[in-house]
Protein backbone atom coordinates (compact mmCIF):
# COMPACT_ATOMS: atom_id res chain seq x y z
CA MET A 1 23.30 0.37 9.05
CA ALA A 2 21.90 -0.79 12.40
CA PRO A 3 20.08 -4.16 12.26
CA ALA A 4 17.17 -2.70 14.22
CA PHE A 5 16.51 -0.24 11.40
CA TRP A 6 16.38 -3.00 8.81
CA ILE A 7 14.15 -5.14 11.00
CA ARG A 8 11.72 -2.28 11.59
CA THR A 9 11.51 -0.88 8.08
CA THR A 10 11.31 -4.26 6.37
CA GLY A 11 8.81 -5.40 8.97
CA VAL A 12 6.60 -2.49 7.96
CA PHE A 13 7.19 -3.32 4.28
CA LEU A 14 6.19 -6.97 4.79
CA LEU A 15 3.21 -5.97 6.87
CA GLY A 16 2.11 -3.67 4.08
CA LEU A 17 2.08 -6.68 1.77
CA ALA A 18 0.63 -9.16 4.24
CA MET A 19 -2.17 -6.91 5.41
CA MET A 20 -3.79 -7.11 1.99
CA GLY A 21 -4.33 -10.82 2.52
CA VAL A 22 -2.28 -12.41 -0.28
CA GLY A 23 -2.83 -16.12 0.16
CA ARG A 24 -4.77 -15.60 3.42
CA PRO A 25 -8.32 -16.52 4.37
CA ALA A 26 -10.67 -13.63 5.13
CA SER A 27 -10.35 -14.18 8.89
CA ALA A 28 -6.58 -13.76 8.70
CA GLN A 29 -6.97 -10.63 6.61
CA ARG A 30 -9.16 -9.04 9.25
CA SER A 31 -6.91 -9.98 12.15
CA VAL A 32 -3.99 -8.16 10.53
CA ALA A 33 -5.97 -5.21 9.21
CA THR A 34 -7.50 -4.46 12.59
CA ALA A 35 -4.21 -4.47 14.49
CA PRO A 36 -3.57 -1.40 16.68
CA GLU A 37 -2.00 1.52 14.84
CA GLU A 38 1.19 1.35 16.91
CA ALA A 39 1.63 -2.32 16.05
CA ARG A 40 1.04 -1.63 12.36
CA ALA A 41 3.73 1.01 12.27
CA THR A 42 6.42 -0.72 14.33
CA SER A 43 5.89 -4.48 13.96
CA PRO A 44 9.10 -6.49 13.40
CA PHE A 45 9.20 -9.29 10.83
CA GLN A 46 6.04 -11.34 10.86
CA ASN A 47 8.13 -14.29 9.67
CA ALA A 48 10.57 -15.14 12.45
CA ALA A 49 12.94 -16.76 9.98
CA LEU A 50 13.64 -13.34 8.48
CA VAL A 51 14.65 -11.62 11.71
CA GLY A 52 18.31 -12.48 11.31
CA ALA A 53 18.44 -11.87 7.59
CA GLU A 54 21.34 -9.96 6.09
CA GLU A 55 20.79 -6.58 4.43
CA THR A 56 21.34 -8.03 0.96
CA ASP A 57 18.82 -10.78 1.68
CA ILE A 58 16.24 -8.28 2.91
CA ALA A 59 16.78 -6.09 -0.14
CA SER A 60 15.75 -9.00 -2.40
CA LEU A 61 12.14 -8.82 -1.21
CA ALA A 62 9.64 -7.65 -3.82
CA HIS A 63 5.97 -7.83 -4.72
CA VAL A 64 3.89 -8.26 -7.87
CA VAL A 65 2.44 -5.04 -9.28
CA GLY A 66 0.25 -4.01 -12.20
CA SER A 67 -2.35 -6.61 -13.12
CA GLY A 68 -0.53 -9.66 -11.76
CA ALA A 69 2.06 -11.94 -13.33
CA THR A 70 2.67 -15.47 -14.56
CA LEU A 71 5.41 -17.64 -13.05
CA TYR A 72 7.32 -19.59 -15.70
CA ASN A 73 9.74 -22.52 -15.53
CA ARG A 74 12.01 -20.81 -18.04
CA SER A 75 12.71 -17.19 -18.94
CA ASP A 76 10.96 -17.41 -22.31
CA SER A 77 7.20 -17.54 -21.64
CA THR A 78 6.93 -21.12 -22.95
CA ALA A 79 6.36 -23.02 -19.71
CA PRO A 80 3.81 -21.30 -17.45
CA VAL A 81 3.54 -22.67 -13.92
CA MET A 82 1.04 -20.54 -12.04
CA GLN A 83 -0.62 -17.14 -11.86
CA LEU A 84 0.63 -14.68 -9.25
CA PRO A 85 -2.00 -12.15 -8.12
CA ILE A 86 -1.13 -8.51 -7.61
CA ARG A 87 0.73 -7.88 -4.32
CA THR A 88 2.09 -11.44 -4.11
CA PRO A 89 5.35 -11.26 -2.06
CA LEU A 90 8.39 -12.77 -3.77
CA ARG A 91 12.12 -13.00 -3.23
CA ARG A 92 14.27 -11.99 -6.20
CA LEU A 93 17.10 -14.47 -6.73
CA GLY A 94 18.59 -12.62 -9.70
CA CYS A 95 17.59 -10.62 -12.77
CA GLU A 96 18.95 -10.64 -16.31
CA GLN A 97 17.62 -8.49 -19.11
CA ASN A 98 13.81 -8.61 -18.90
CA TRP A 99 13.42 -11.57 -16.56
CA CYS A 100 13.86 -12.19 -12.83
CA ARG A 101 14.29 -15.54 -11.14
CA VAL A 102 12.14 -15.57 -8.00
CA ARG A 103 11.04 -17.75 -5.12
CA THR A 104 7.55 -17.69 -3.61
CA ASP A 105 6.73 -17.95 0.07
CA GLY A 106 5.82 -21.57 -0.62
CA GLY A 107 9.33 -22.29 -1.93
CA ARG A 108 8.51 -22.58 -5.63
CA THR A 109 11.08 -21.02 -7.94
CA GLY A 110 10.67 -19.75 -11.46
CA TYR A 111 10.83 -16.68 -13.67
CA VAL A 112 8.62 -13.61 -14.02
CA PRO A 113 8.94 -10.57 -16.31
CA ALA A 114 11.03 -7.92 -14.54
CA PRO A 115 8.44 -5.11 -15.04
CA ALA A 116 5.93 -7.13 -12.98
CA LEU A 117 8.07 -6.81 -9.85
CA SER A 118 8.67 -3.87 -7.54
CA ASN A 119 10.05 -3.27 -4.07
CA VAL A 120 8.84 0.33 -3.88
CA TRP A 121 6.58 1.32 -1.00
CA ILE A 122 5.52 4.60 0.58
CA ARG A 123 5.38 5.68 4.21
CA ILE A 124 3.38 8.81 4.98
CA SER A 125 4.00 10.55 8.30
CA LYS A 126 1.19 12.93 9.21
CA ALA A 127 3.14 14.19 12.22
CA GLU A 128 6.19 15.03 10.09
CA GLY A 129 4.24 16.33 7.11
CA GLN A 130 6.42 14.13 4.91
CA LEU A 131 6.06 11.37 2.35
CA HIS A 132 8.92 8.83 2.36
CA VAL A 133 9.69 6.58 -0.61
CA TYR A 134 11.46 3.28 0.06
CA ARG A 135 12.93 0.53 -2.06
CA GLY A 136 12.67 -2.44 0.25
CA PRO A 137 14.18 -1.29 3.56
CA ARG A 138 16.18 1.55 1.97
CA LEU A 139 14.85 5.10 2.19
CA VAL A 140 15.45 6.73 -1.19
CA GLU A 141 13.60 10.05 -1.03
CA THR A 142 11.52 12.27 1.24
CA TYR A 143 9.03 14.90 0.09
CA LYS A 144 6.92 17.55 1.84
CA MET A 145 3.17 17.06 1.59
CA ASP A 146 -0.22 18.50 2.52
CA ILE A 147 -2.94 16.46 4.24
CA GLY A 148 -6.53 16.66 5.45
CA TYR A 149 -8.18 19.62 7.17
CA ASN A 150 -8.14 17.77 10.52
CA THR A 151 -4.45 17.03 10.80
CA TYR A 152 -4.30 14.83 13.87
CA ALA A 153 -7.29 12.47 13.88
CA ASP A 154 -7.84 9.24 11.98
CA LYS A 155 -10.63 9.11 9.42
CA ILE A 156 -13.95 7.76 10.70
CA ARG A 157 -16.57 8.91 8.21
CA ARG A 158 -17.16 11.06 5.14
CA GLY A 159 -16.63 14.77 5.65
CA SER A 160 -18.47 17.72 4.12
CA PRO A 161 -18.45 21.53 4.28
CA ASP A 162 -20.69 21.14 7.33
CA ARG A 163 -18.44 18.44 8.79
CA ARG A 164 -14.98 19.78 8.07
CA ASP A 165 -13.64 18.00 11.15
CA HIS A 166 -14.13 14.73 9.24
CA TRP A 167 -11.93 15.82 6.34
CA ARG A 168 -9.22 13.57 7.72
CA THR A 169 -6.39 11.56 6.20
CA PRO A 170 -6.93 7.90 7.18
CA GLU A 171 -4.23 5.95 9.00
CA GLY A 172 -3.08 2.37 8.51
CA PRO A 173 -1.82 0.11 5.72
CA PHE A 174 -3.21 0.64 2.23
CA TYR A 175 -2.14 0.09 -1.36
CA VAL A 176 -2.50 1.90 -4.68
CA VAL A 177 -5.61 0.46 -6.31
CA ALA A 178 -5.68 2.72 -9.38
CA LYS A 179 -3.76 5.47 -11.18
CA LYS A 180 -5.57 8.50 -12.61
CA PRO A 181 -3.50 10.27 -15.30
CA GLN A 182 -6.08 13.05 -15.45
CA SER A 183 -7.30 14.30 -12.10
CA GLU A 184 -8.87 17.43 -10.66
CA PHE A 185 -5.52 17.79 -8.92
CA TYR A 186 -3.12 17.05 -11.80
CA LYS A 187 -2.51 13.28 -11.42
CA ALA A 188 -3.61 10.89 -8.69
CA LEU A 189 -2.76 7.56 -7.09
CA VAL A 190 -5.99 6.18 -5.63
CA LEU A 191 -5.75 4.25 -2.35
CA ASN A 192 -7.99 1.32 -1.38
CA TYR A 193 -9.81 3.19 1.39
CA PRO A 194 -12.19 2.03 2.83
CA THR A 195 -10.59 -1.31 3.67
CA THR A 196 -12.07 -4.38 5.35
CA ALA A 197 -10.99 -2.99 8.73
CA ASP A 198 -12.85 0.25 8.03
CA ALA A 199 -15.90 -1.70 6.89
CA GLU A 200 -15.96 -3.74 10.10
CA ARG A 201 -15.79 -0.59 12.18
CA GLY A 202 -18.41 1.13 10.06
CA LEU A 203 -20.79 -1.81 10.33
CA LYS A 204 -20.45 -1.88 14.13
CA GLN A 205 -21.04 1.87 14.32
CA GLY A 206 -24.09 1.72 12.06
CA LEU A 207 -22.48 3.86 9.35
CA ILE A 208 -22.86 1.26 6.59
CA SER A 209 -25.26 -1.54 5.76
CA GLN A 210 -24.48 -5.26 5.61
CA SER A 211 -24.51 -5.13 1.81
CA GLU A 212 -22.08 -2.19 1.78
CA TYR A 213 -19.83 -4.08 4.20
CA GLU A 214 -19.83 -7.15 1.98
CA ALA A 215 -19.06 -5.05 -1.12
CA ILE A 216 -16.01 -3.51 0.57
CA VAL A 217 -14.74 -6.90 1.76
CA GLN A 218 -15.23 -8.39 -1.70
CA ALA A 219 -13.38 -5.52 -3.33
CA GLN A 220 -10.38 -6.06 -1.06
CA GLU A 221 -10.35 -9.81 -1.67
CA ARG A 222 -10.43 -9.20 -5.44
CA ALA A 223 -7.98 -6.26 -5.43
CA GLN A 224 -10.66 -4.00 -6.87
CA MET A 225 -11.72 -0.43 -6.18
CA PRO A 226 -13.87 -0.41 -3.02
CA PRO A 227 -17.21 1.44 -2.90
CA MET A 228 -16.36 5.13 -2.50
CA ASN A 229 -19.80 6.58 -1.80
CA THR A 230 -20.68 5.14 1.62
CA LYS A 231 -20.75 7.12 4.86
CA LEU A 232 -17.18 5.97 5.47
CA GLY A 233 -16.03 8.25 2.67
CA GLY A 234 -13.66 7.39 -0.15
CA TRP A 235 -11.46 8.63 -2.99
CA ILE A 236 -8.46 9.04 -0.74
CA GLU A 237 -5.59 9.78 -3.09
CA ILE A 238 -2.00 10.87 -3.33
CA HIS A 239 -2.35 13.66 -5.87
CA GLY A 240 -0.70 16.78 -7.24
CA GLU A 241 -1.30 20.50 -6.75
CA GLY A 242 0.31 20.42 -3.30
CA THR A 243 1.73 23.60 -1.81
CA GLY A 244 5.02 22.12 -0.63
CA GLY A 245 4.37 23.93 2.63
CA GLU A 246 3.05 21.08 4.78
CA THR A 247 -0.41 22.66 5.09
CA ASN A 248 -3.76 21.02 5.87
CA TRP A 249 -6.29 21.89 3.19
CA THR A 250 -7.38 18.64 1.54
CA GLN A 251 -10.52 16.64 2.23
CA GLY A 252 -8.39 13.69 3.36
CA CYS A 253 -6.02 13.19 0.46
CA VAL A 254 -2.25 13.59 0.44
CA ALA A 255 -1.14 16.40 -1.88
CA VAL A 256 2.39 16.84 -3.23
CA GLU A 257 3.84 19.33 -5.68
CA ASN A 258 3.36 18.44 -9.34
CA GLN A 259 7.03 17.72 -9.99
CA VAL A 260 6.97 15.28 -7.09
CA MET A 261 3.84 13.69 -8.51
CA ASN A 262 5.65 13.21 -11.81
CA THR A 263 8.41 11.33 -9.99
CA LEU A 264 5.99 9.16 -8.05
CA TRP A 265 4.04 8.44 -11.22
CA THR A 266 7.06 6.79 -12.83
CA ILE A 267 7.97 4.49 -9.92
CA VAL A 268 4.63 3.71 -8.23
CA GLU A 269 2.47 0.99 -9.77
CA VAL A 270 -0.94 -0.41 -8.92
CA GLY A 271 -0.33 -2.68 -5.93
CA THR A 272 2.30 -0.48 -4.28
CA PRO A 273 1.96 -0.59 -0.46
CA VAL A 274 1.28 2.70 1.32
CA LEU A 275 1.54 3.06 5.10
CA ILE A 276 -0.05 6.16 6.64
CA GLU A 277 0.80 6.87 10.28
């Protein structure tokens, strides 16, 4: 496969991890999160050392999912080294049975339980009406989807029956912050909208208060559900009950058919990066 493809897709994958600010100060988080949409979608590797990486090396990239993980010196839970927060990027050096040997960005090596790692991420193309599932840089599946009433615009504020134009699917890098096994629309993967970038914009535009801004920033730093009831809107999900016809009927969510939702449910964990463009 062409090197340019691997550089682009893995660059997006890494950006999806980095934009959530793992190991970054708040100022660094904001500088990434507020990057132009074109840069978010097409940035090459943020780490120049990875630009020339081989396909097999790229494919070893992963991230911590679920509720976080513990790094151990041995593959037997007897020698803990450090805690790894959700979304921590790691390189898998090899896996046997229920353990994977990994290396952190800081160069520390050790073992983590295999179920705590994933290289799954999702790219949603509003223009194509498709949801793409990747494992690292490798595209593994594509599904049709439905999106918000206003198909083309980015989300700015909460919509309503009187403001249908603002029923929009937001654009940018997000991650799955919660899974809802029982939803109004079958099952749902809740995204962390609004993000710090949205909060900064909302504060400047007078849509939210300083306290609401701080609550959103704090939620992102702690990998928690952000406030969903501000004028920025919230409860943006990937959920079921989709038509499979690439229509625009939701209030900003991404809807897929229930059988697709069942598939996503089994491979997508809390912490999974989602890029909407």
